[in-house]
């Protein structure tokens, strides 16, 4: 599903983390609130893979879509 609206989120909360490309990602409002108002945690690696960890310790990974594949 295409993104219609999103929040730009600091992976490491500001002011502890910088407002810089490597510390920012786009989240829908639901996931942004989930991250900041519950015990869910998220981390992002150098390849932009997000790892979400639930309060019970279940791990979910999401990989970014490579839009460069559309330009051929």
Protein backbone atom coordinates (compact mmCIF):
# COMPACT_ATOMS: atom_id res chain seq x y z
CA UNK A 1 0.00 0.00 0.00
CA UNK A 2 1.35 3.42 -0.91
CA UNK A 3 2.00 5.90 1.85
CA UNK A 4 -0.49 8.73 1.95
CA UNK A 5 0.67 10.42 5.13
CA UNK A 6 3.51 9.78 7.51
CA UNK A 7 5.44 11.19 10.43
CA UNK A 8 9.18 11.66 10.25
CA UNK A 9 10.52 9.86 13.31
CA UNK A 10 13.85 9.92 15.12
CA UNK A 11 14.99 6.31 15.54
CA UNK A 12 16.97 7.42 18.61
CA UNK A 13 14.79 10.01 20.30
CA UNK A 14 15.73 13.65 20.00
CA UNK A 15 17.73 15.15 21.72
CA UNK A 16 19.66 11.92 22.42
CA UNK A 17 19.89 11.16 18.69
CA UNK A 18 20.65 13.65 15.92
CA UNK A 19 18.23 15.01 13.35
CA UNK A 20 20.20 13.41 10.52
CA UNK A 21 19.45 11.05 7.64
CA UNK A 22 20.77 7.99 9.43
CA UNK A 23 18.52 8.59 12.45
CA UNK A 24 15.26 9.38 10.65
CA UNK A 25 12.59 7.19 9.11
CA UNK A 26 9.00 7.64 8.01
CA UNK A 27 6.28 5.98 10.06
CA UNK A 28 2.53 6.05 9.70
CA UNK A 29 0.81 7.79 12.60
CA UNK A 30 -0.27 4.46 14.14
CA UNK A 31 3.29 3.05 14.24
CA UNK A 32 4.74 6.37 15.40
CA UNK A 33 2.38 6.40 18.38
CA UNK A 34 3.00 2.70 19.01
CA UNK A 35 6.72 3.40 19.26
CA UNK A 36 6.43 6.41 21.56
CA UNK A 37 3.47 5.50 23.77
CA UNK A 38 3.89 1.76 24.36
CA UNK A 39 6.70 -0.65 25.17
CA UNK A 40 7.33 -1.54 21.50
CA UNK A 41 10.91 -0.75 20.39
CA UNK A 42 12.41 -0.19 16.95
CA UNK A 43 15.95 -0.10 15.61
CA UNK A 44 17.23 0.51 12.09
CA UNK A 45 20.44 -0.93 10.66
CA UNK A 46 22.77 0.50 7.99
CA UNK A 47 20.70 -1.11 5.21
CA UNK A 48 17.48 0.54 6.50
CA UNK A 49 16.06 -2.73 7.82
CA UNK A 50 13.72 -1.95 10.73
CA UNK A 51 13.59 -4.38 13.62
CA UNK A 52 10.50 -4.01 15.79
CA UNK A 53 10.40 -5.75 19.17
CA UNK A 54 7.07 -6.25 20.92
CA UNK A 55 6.64 -5.93 24.68
CA UNK A 56 6.65 -9.76 24.87
CA UNK A 57 9.97 -9.99 22.97
CA UNK A 58 8.59 -11.06 19.56
CA UNK A 59 10.77 -9.66 16.75
CA UNK A 60 9.52 -8.39 13.38
CA UNK A 61 11.79 -7.16 10.58
CA UNK A 62 10.81 -5.00 7.63
CA UNK A 63 12.99 -4.29 4.62
CA UNK A 64 12.63 -1.16 2.52
CA UNK A 65 11.33 -1.41 -1.04
CA UNK A 66 14.06 -0.61 -3.57
CA UNK A 67 12.41 1.92 -5.88
CA UNK A 68 15.45 1.85 -8.16
CA UNK A 69 14.07 -1.43 -9.55
CA UNK A 70 11.21 0.55 -11.11
CA UNK A 71 13.60 2.67 -13.18
CA UNK A 72 14.93 0.40 -15.91
